[in-house]
């Protein structure tokens, strides 16, 4: 029995899941119907609302996504982008946005640490 458990891993199953894939992952791990796990989860939510909700949120962040759900039938990674140049374009767009935000933060930091800001702050206190 321990050999069987050591081979299996607990993952979130987003393919079969409804919200976060936690119940579907538990059903895969214990080889139980997902409907039974969902009924147990909903019952726990009704009787121990805070504890069950906190446990679900923690499980969502702690458990990794099922690696089998990340690939398609041919073994390639599932992606919204078919070609590498689409991924590069998105990366460059995000990089440009972060560069602009970084520039704005640098300007704000320079202003806040300047004597001009201290002077205007002292004037506002009067």
N, C-alpha and C. Protein backbone atom coordinates (compact mmCIF):
# COMPACT_ATOMS: atom_id res chain seq x y z
N UNK A 1 0.83 -1.19 0.00
CA UNK A 1 0.00 0.00 0.00
C UNK A 1 0.87 1.25 0.00
N UNK A 2 1.98 1.25 0.77
CA UNK A 2 2.83 2.42 0.81
C UNK A 2 3.55 2.64 -0.52
N UNK A 3 3.86 1.53 -1.24
CA UNK A 3 4.49 1.68 -2.55
C UNK A 3 3.53 2.36 -3.52
N UNK A 4 2.27 2.00 -3.44
CA UNK A 4 1.27 2.60 -4.33
C UNK A 4 1.13 4.10 -4.06
N UNK A 5 1.12 4.49 -2.80
CA UNK A 5 0.98 5.90 -2.45
C UNK A 5 2.22 6.70 -2.82
N UNK A 6 3.40 6.09 -2.72
CA UNK A 6 4.61 6.84 -3.01
C UNK A 6 4.73 7.15 -4.50
N UNK A 7 4.11 6.34 -5.35
CA UNK A 7 4.18 6.59 -6.79
C UNK A 7 3.22 7.68 -7.22
N UNK A 8 2.12 7.85 -6.51
CA UNK A 8 1.13 8.85 -6.87
C UNK A 8 1.48 10.19 -6.24
N UNK A 9 1.15 11.25 -6.94
CA UNK A 9 1.35 12.60 -6.42
C UNK A 9 0.00 13.32 -6.46
N UNK A 10 -0.16 14.24 -5.53
CA UNK A 10 -1.38 15.02 -5.47
C UNK A 10 -1.19 16.32 -6.24
N UNK A 11 -2.01 16.52 -7.26
CA UNK A 11 -1.94 17.70 -8.10
C UNK A 11 -3.33 18.32 -8.22
N UNK A 12 -3.35 19.59 -8.66
CA UNK A 12 -4.61 20.21 -9.06
C UNK A 12 -4.89 19.78 -10.49
N UNK A 13 -6.10 19.36 -10.77
CA UNK A 13 -6.47 18.93 -12.12
C UNK A 13 -7.39 19.96 -12.73
N UNK A 14 -6.82 20.87 -13.51
CA UNK A 14 -7.61 21.97 -14.09
C UNK A 14 -8.50 21.49 -15.24
N UNK A 15 -8.17 20.38 -15.86
CA UNK A 15 -9.00 19.88 -16.96
C UNK A 15 -10.36 19.43 -16.46
N UNK A 16 -10.38 18.68 -15.35
CA UNK A 16 -11.64 18.18 -14.82
C UNK A 16 -12.22 19.10 -13.75
N UNK A 17 -11.44 20.07 -13.31
CA UNK A 17 -11.88 20.92 -12.21
C UNK A 17 -12.87 21.98 -12.62
N UNK A 18 -13.61 22.49 -11.62
CA UNK A 18 -14.58 23.55 -11.88
C UNK A 18 -14.04 24.91 -11.45
N UNK A 19 -13.47 25.00 -10.27
CA UNK A 19 -12.97 26.28 -9.78
C UNK A 19 -11.45 26.29 -9.80
N UNK A 20 -10.84 25.47 -8.98
CA UNK A 20 -9.39 25.47 -8.93
C UNK A 20 -8.77 24.13 -9.26
N UNK A 21 -9.60 23.10 -9.40
CA UNK A 21 -9.10 21.77 -9.70
C UNK A 21 -8.68 20.98 -8.48
N UNK A 22 -8.99 21.50 -7.28
CA UNK A 22 -8.60 20.82 -6.05
C UNK A 22 -9.39 19.53 -5.88
N UNK A 23 -10.70 19.60 -6.00
CA UNK A 23 -11.54 18.41 -5.83
C UNK A 23 -11.23 17.37 -6.90
N UNK A 24 -11.01 17.80 -8.12
CA UNK A 24 -10.66 16.87 -9.19
C UNK A 24 -9.31 16.21 -8.92
N UNK A 25 -8.37 16.97 -8.39
CA UNK A 25 -7.08 16.40 -8.04
C UNK A 25 -7.19 15.39 -6.91
N UNK A 26 -8.01 15.69 -5.91
CA UNK A 26 -8.23 14.74 -4.82
C UNK A 26 -8.91 13.48 -5.33
N UNK A 27 -9.85 13.62 -6.25
CA UNK A 27 -10.52 12.44 -6.79
C UNK A 27 -9.55 11.59 -7.61
N UNK A 28 -8.64 12.20 -8.32
CA UNK A 28 -7.62 11.43 -9.04
C UNK A 28 -6.68 10.71 -8.07
N UNK A 29 -6.31 11.38 -7.01
CA UNK A 29 -5.37 10.81 -6.05
C UNK A 29 -5.96 9.62 -5.31
N UNK A 30 -7.22 9.75 -4.87
CA UNK A 30 -7.86 8.68 -4.10
C UNK A 30 -8.67 7.73 -4.97
N UNK A 31 -8.70 7.91 -6.28
CA UNK A 31 -9.49 7.09 -7.20
C UNK A 31 -10.95 7.01 -6.79
N UNK A 32 -11.52 8.18 -6.52
CA UNK A 32 -12.92 8.30 -6.14
C UNK A 32 -13.59 9.22 -7.16
N UNK A 33 -14.90 9.05 -7.31
CA UNK A 33 -15.62 9.91 -8.25
C UNK A 33 -15.54 11.37 -7.78
N UNK A 34 -15.34 12.27 -8.73
CA UNK A 34 -15.17 13.69 -8.40
C UNK A 34 -16.45 14.27 -7.79
N UNK A 35 -17.60 13.73 -8.15
CA UNK A 35 -18.87 14.23 -7.59
C UNK A 35 -18.91 13.98 -6.08
N UNK A 36 -18.44 12.83 -5.65
CA UNK A 36 -18.42 12.52 -4.22
C UNK A 36 -17.51 13.49 -3.47
N UNK A 37 -16.34 13.78 -4.02
CA UNK A 37 -15.42 14.73 -3.40
C UNK A 37 -16.05 16.11 -3.33
N UNK A 38 -16.74 16.52 -4.40
CA UNK A 38 -17.39 17.84 -4.40
C UNK A 38 -18.50 17.92 -3.37
N UNK A 39 -19.26 16.84 -3.21
CA UNK A 39 -20.32 16.82 -2.19
C UNK A 39 -19.71 16.95 -0.80
N UNK A 40 -18.62 16.25 -0.55
CA UNK A 40 -17.94 16.35 0.74
C UNK A 40 -17.41 17.77 0.94
N UNK A 41 -16.85 18.36 -0.10
CA UNK A 41 -16.30 19.72 0.00
C UNK A 41 -17.40 20.73 0.30
N UNK A 42 -18.53 20.63 -0.40
CA UNK A 42 -19.64 21.56 -0.16
C UNK A 42 -20.19 21.39 1.25
N UNK A 43 -20.29 20.15 1.71
CA UNK A 43 -20.75 19.90 3.08
C UNK A 43 -19.79 20.53 4.09
N UNK A 44 -18.50 20.39 3.85
CA UNK A 44 -17.51 21.00 4.74
C UNK A 44 -17.62 22.53 4.72
N UNK A 45 -17.90 23.08 3.54
CA UNK A 45 -18.07 24.54 3.46
C UNK A 45 -19.26 25.00 4.29
N UNK A 46 -20.33 24.22 4.31
CA UNK A 46 -21.51 24.62 5.08
C UNK A 46 -21.27 24.51 6.58
N UNK A 47 -20.59 23.47 7.01
CA UNK A 47 -20.43 23.26 8.44
C UNK A 47 -19.22 23.96 9.04
N UNK A 48 -18.15 24.07 8.28
CA UNK A 48 -16.94 24.73 8.77
C UNK A 48 -16.49 25.74 7.74
N UNK A 49 -17.26 26.77 7.56
CA UNK A 49 -17.06 27.71 6.46
C UNK A 49 -15.64 28.25 6.40
N UNK A 50 -15.17 28.80 7.47
CA UNK A 50 -13.85 29.44 7.46
C UNK A 50 -12.73 28.43 7.29
N UNK A 51 -12.80 27.33 8.00
CA UNK A 51 -11.73 26.33 7.94
C UNK A 51 -11.66 25.71 6.55
N UNK A 52 -12.79 25.33 6.00
CA UNK A 52 -12.80 24.71 4.67
C UNK A 52 -12.35 25.69 3.60
N UNK A 53 -12.78 26.92 3.71
CA UNK A 53 -12.36 27.93 2.71
C UNK A 53 -10.86 28.18 2.77
N UNK A 54 -10.33 28.32 3.98
CA UNK A 54 -8.89 28.54 4.15
C UNK A 54 -8.11 27.33 3.63
N UNK A 55 -8.59 26.12 3.93
CA UNK A 55 -7.91 24.91 3.46
C UNK A 55 -7.93 24.84 1.93
N UNK A 56 -9.04 25.23 1.32
CA UNK A 56 -9.14 25.20 -0.15
C UNK A 56 -8.18 26.21 -0.77
N UNK A 57 -8.12 27.40 -0.21
CA UNK A 57 -7.23 28.43 -0.74
C UNK A 57 -5.76 28.01 -0.58
N UNK A 58 -5.43 27.46 0.57
CA UNK A 58 -4.06 27.00 0.80
C UNK A 58 -3.72 25.88 -0.18
N UNK A 59 -4.65 24.95 -0.37
CA UNK A 59 -4.40 23.85 -1.31
C UNK A 59 -4.22 24.37 -2.73
N UNK A 60 -4.96 25.42 -3.07
CA UNK A 60 -4.83 25.99 -4.41
C UNK A 60 -3.42 26.54 -4.65
N UNK A 61 -2.86 27.18 -3.65
CA UNK A 61 -1.53 27.77 -3.82
C UNK A 61 -0.40 26.78 -3.57
N UNK A 62 -0.64 25.75 -2.76
CA UNK A 62 0.42 24.81 -2.42
C UNK A 62 0.56 23.73 -3.49
N UNK A 63 -0.56 23.21 -3.98
CA UNK A 63 -0.50 22.11 -4.94
C UNK A 63 -0.12 22.61 -6.32
N UNK A 64 0.74 21.86 -6.98
CA UNK A 64 1.11 22.17 -8.35
C UNK A 64 0.04 21.67 -9.31
N UNK A 65 0.03 22.26 -10.49
CA UNK A 65 -0.91 21.83 -11.52
C UNK A 65 -0.43 20.51 -12.10
N UNK A 66 -1.36 19.67 -12.47
CA UNK A 66 -1.05 18.36 -13.02
C UNK A 66 -0.20 18.51 -14.28
N UNK A 67 1.01 17.95 -14.31
CA UNK A 67 1.87 18.12 -15.47
C UNK A 67 1.28 17.50 -16.73
N UNK A 68 0.42 16.50 -16.57
CA UNK A 68 -0.22 15.90 -17.75
C UNK A 68 -1.20 16.87 -18.39
N UNK A 69 -1.71 17.83 -17.62
CA UNK A 69 -2.66 18.80 -18.16
C UNK A 69 -1.95 19.92 -18.92
N UNK A 70 -0.63 20.01 -18.76
CA UNK A 70 0.12 21.07 -19.42
C UNK A 70 0.54 20.71 -20.83
N UNK A 71 0.39 19.42 -21.20
CA UNK A 71 0.78 18.99 -22.54
C UNK A 71 -0.43 18.44 -23.28
N UNK A 72 -0.36 18.49 -24.61
CA UNK A 72 -1.43 17.92 -25.42
C UNK A 72 -1.09 16.47 -25.78
N UNK A 73 -1.87 15.87 -26.67
CA UNK A 73 -1.70 14.46 -27.02
C UNK A 73 -0.34 14.18 -27.65
N UNK A 74 0.20 15.13 -28.39
CA UNK A 74 1.49 14.91 -29.06
C UNK A 74 2.68 15.19 -28.14
N UNK A 75 2.44 15.62 -26.91
CA UNK A 75 3.52 15.85 -25.97
C UNK A 75 4.04 17.27 -25.95
N UNK A 76 3.47 18.16 -26.77
CA UNK A 76 3.90 19.55 -26.79
C UNK A 76 3.18 20.33 -25.70
N UNK A 77 3.81 21.38 -25.23
CA UNK A 77 3.19 22.21 -24.20
C UNK A 77 2.00 22.95 -24.76
N UNK A 78 0.92 22.98 -23.98
CA UNK A 78 -0.24 23.78 -24.37
C UNK A 78 0.10 25.25 -24.23
N UNK A 79 -0.21 26.01 -25.24
CA UNK A 79 0.10 27.43 -25.20
C UNK A 79 -0.94 28.18 -26.01
N UNK A 80 -1.21 29.40 -25.62
CA UNK A 80 -2.11 30.24 -26.41
C UNK A 80 -1.44 30.78 -27.66
N UNK A 81 -0.12 30.66 -27.71
CA UNK A 81 0.65 31.20 -28.82
C UNK A 81 1.18 30.04 -29.65
N UNK A 82 0.92 30.06 -30.93
CA UNK A 82 1.35 28.96 -31.79
C UNK A 82 2.79 29.09 -32.24
N UNK A 83 3.26 30.31 -32.39
CA UNK A 83 4.59 30.52 -32.94
C UNK A 83 5.45 31.27 -31.93
N UNK A 84 6.75 31.07 -32.05
CA UNK A 84 7.65 31.68 -31.08
C UNK A 84 7.68 33.20 -31.21
N UNK A 85 7.45 33.73 -32.41
CA UNK A 85 7.48 35.18 -32.55
C UNK A 85 6.30 35.83 -31.82
N UNK A 86 5.19 35.12 -31.65
CA UNK A 86 4.08 35.66 -30.86
C UNK A 86 4.49 35.78 -29.39
N UNK A 87 5.19 34.75 -28.90
CA UNK A 87 5.66 34.79 -27.52
C UNK A 87 6.67 35.92 -27.32
N UNK A 88 7.55 36.10 -28.30
CA UNK A 88 8.54 37.17 -28.20
C UNK A 88 7.87 38.54 -28.22
N UNK A 89 6.82 38.69 -29.04
CA UNK A 89 6.11 39.97 -29.09
C UNK A 89 5.44 40.27 -27.76
N UNK A 90 4.84 39.28 -27.15
CA UNK A 90 4.21 39.48 -25.84
C UNK A 90 5.28 39.81 -24.80
N UNK A 91 6.38 39.09 -24.83
CA UNK A 91 7.47 39.36 -23.89
C UNK A 91 7.98 40.79 -24.05
N UNK A 92 8.20 41.22 -25.30
CA UNK A 92 8.69 42.58 -25.53
C UNK A 92 7.68 43.62 -25.07
N UNK A 93 6.40 43.36 -25.27
CA UNK A 93 5.36 44.29 -24.83
C UNK A 93 5.36 44.41 -23.31
N UNK A 94 5.42 43.29 -22.63
CA UNK A 94 5.44 43.30 -21.17
C UNK A 94 6.72 43.97 -20.67
N UNK A 95 7.84 43.68 -21.31
CA UNK A 95 9.12 44.29 -20.93
C UNK A 95 9.05 45.81 -21.08
N UNK A 96 8.46 46.29 -22.18
CA UNK A 96 8.32 47.73 -22.39
C UNK A 96 7.45 48.37 -21.31
N UNK A 97 6.37 47.70 -20.97
CA UNK A 97 5.48 48.24 -19.92
C UNK A 97 6.21 48.34 -18.59
N UNK A 98 6.95 47.28 -18.23
CA UNK A 98 7.67 47.32 -16.97
C UNK A 98 8.78 48.36 -17.00
N UNK A 99 9.39 48.57 -18.15
CA UNK A 99 10.43 49.61 -18.26
C UNK A 99 9.83 50.99 -18.03
N UNK A 100 8.63 51.24 -18.58
CA UNK A 100 7.97 52.53 -18.37
C UNK A 100 7.60 52.71 -16.90
N UNK A 101 7.10 51.65 -16.27
CA UNK A 101 6.74 51.73 -14.85
C UNK A 101 7.99 51.98 -14.02
N UNK A 102 9.08 51.31 -14.36
CA UNK A 102 10.32 51.52 -13.62
C UNK A 102 10.80 52.95 -13.75
N UNK A 103 10.69 53.53 -14.94
CA UNK A 103 11.07 54.93 -15.14
C UNK A 103 10.23 55.87 -14.29
N UNK A 104 8.94 55.61 -14.24
CA UNK A 104 8.05 56.46 -13.43
C UNK A 104 8.39 56.33 -11.95
N UNK A 105 8.69 55.13 -11.49
CA UNK A 105 9.05 54.93 -10.08
C UNK A 105 10.36 55.63 -9.77
N UNK A 106 11.33 55.59 -10.70
CA UNK A 106 12.60 56.29 -10.47
C UNK A 106 12.39 57.80 -10.36
N UNK A 107 11.52 58.36 -11.22
CA UNK A 107 11.23 59.79 -11.15
C UNK A 107 10.56 60.15 -9.83
N UNK A 108 9.62 59.31 -9.41
CA UNK A 108 8.92 59.56 -8.16
C UNK A 108 9.88 59.48 -6.98
N UNK A 109 10.76 58.49 -7.00
CA UNK A 109 11.74 58.35 -5.92
C UNK A 109 12.69 59.55 -5.89
N UNK A 110 13.10 60.01 -7.05
CA UNK A 110 13.99 61.18 -7.10
C UNK A 110 13.29 62.41 -6.54
N UNK A 111 12.00 62.57 -6.83
CA UNK A 111 11.26 63.73 -6.33
C UNK A 111 11.08 63.64 -4.82
N UNK A 112 10.73 62.44 -4.32
CA UNK A 112 10.47 62.29 -2.88
C UNK A 112 11.74 62.49 -2.07
N UNK A 113 12.87 62.14 -2.60
CA UNK A 113 14.12 62.32 -1.86
C UNK A 113 14.79 63.66 -2.11
N UNK A 114 14.18 64.50 -2.91
CA UNK A 114 14.79 65.80 -3.23
C UNK A 114 14.48 66.84 -2.16
N UNK A 115 15.31 67.89 -2.08
CA UNK A 115 15.05 68.98 -1.12
C UNK A 115 13.76 69.74 -1.46
N UNK A 116 13.39 69.75 -2.72
CA UNK A 116 12.17 70.45 -3.14
C UNK A 116 10.94 69.82 -2.47
N UNK A 117 10.91 68.48 -2.40
CA UNK A 117 9.80 67.79 -1.76
C UNK A 117 9.77 68.11 -0.26
N UNK A 118 10.95 68.11 0.37
CA UNK A 118 11.01 68.43 1.80
C UNK A 118 10.53 69.83 2.07
N UNK A 119 10.90 70.77 1.20
CA UNK A 119 10.47 72.15 1.36
C UNK A 119 8.97 72.28 1.21
N UNK A 120 8.40 71.63 0.19
CA UNK A 120 6.95 71.73 0.01
C UNK A 120 6.21 71.02 1.15
N UNK A 121 6.79 69.97 1.70
CA UNK A 121 6.19 69.28 2.83
C UNK A 121 6.18 70.18 4.07
N UNK A 122 7.27 70.89 4.28
CA UNK A 122 7.35 71.84 5.42
C UNK A 122 6.36 72.98 5.24
N UNK A 123 6.20 73.46 4.02
CA UNK A 123 5.24 74.53 3.76
C UNK A 123 3.82 74.04 4.02
N UNK A 124 3.51 72.81 3.61
CA UNK A 124 2.19 72.26 3.83
C UNK A 124 1.88 72.07 5.33
N UNK A 125 2.92 71.83 6.12
CA UNK A 125 2.70 71.65 7.56
C UNK A 125 2.33 72.98 8.23
N UNK A 126 2.73 74.12 7.64
CA UNK A 126 2.41 75.41 8.24
C UNK A 126 0.98 75.68 8.03
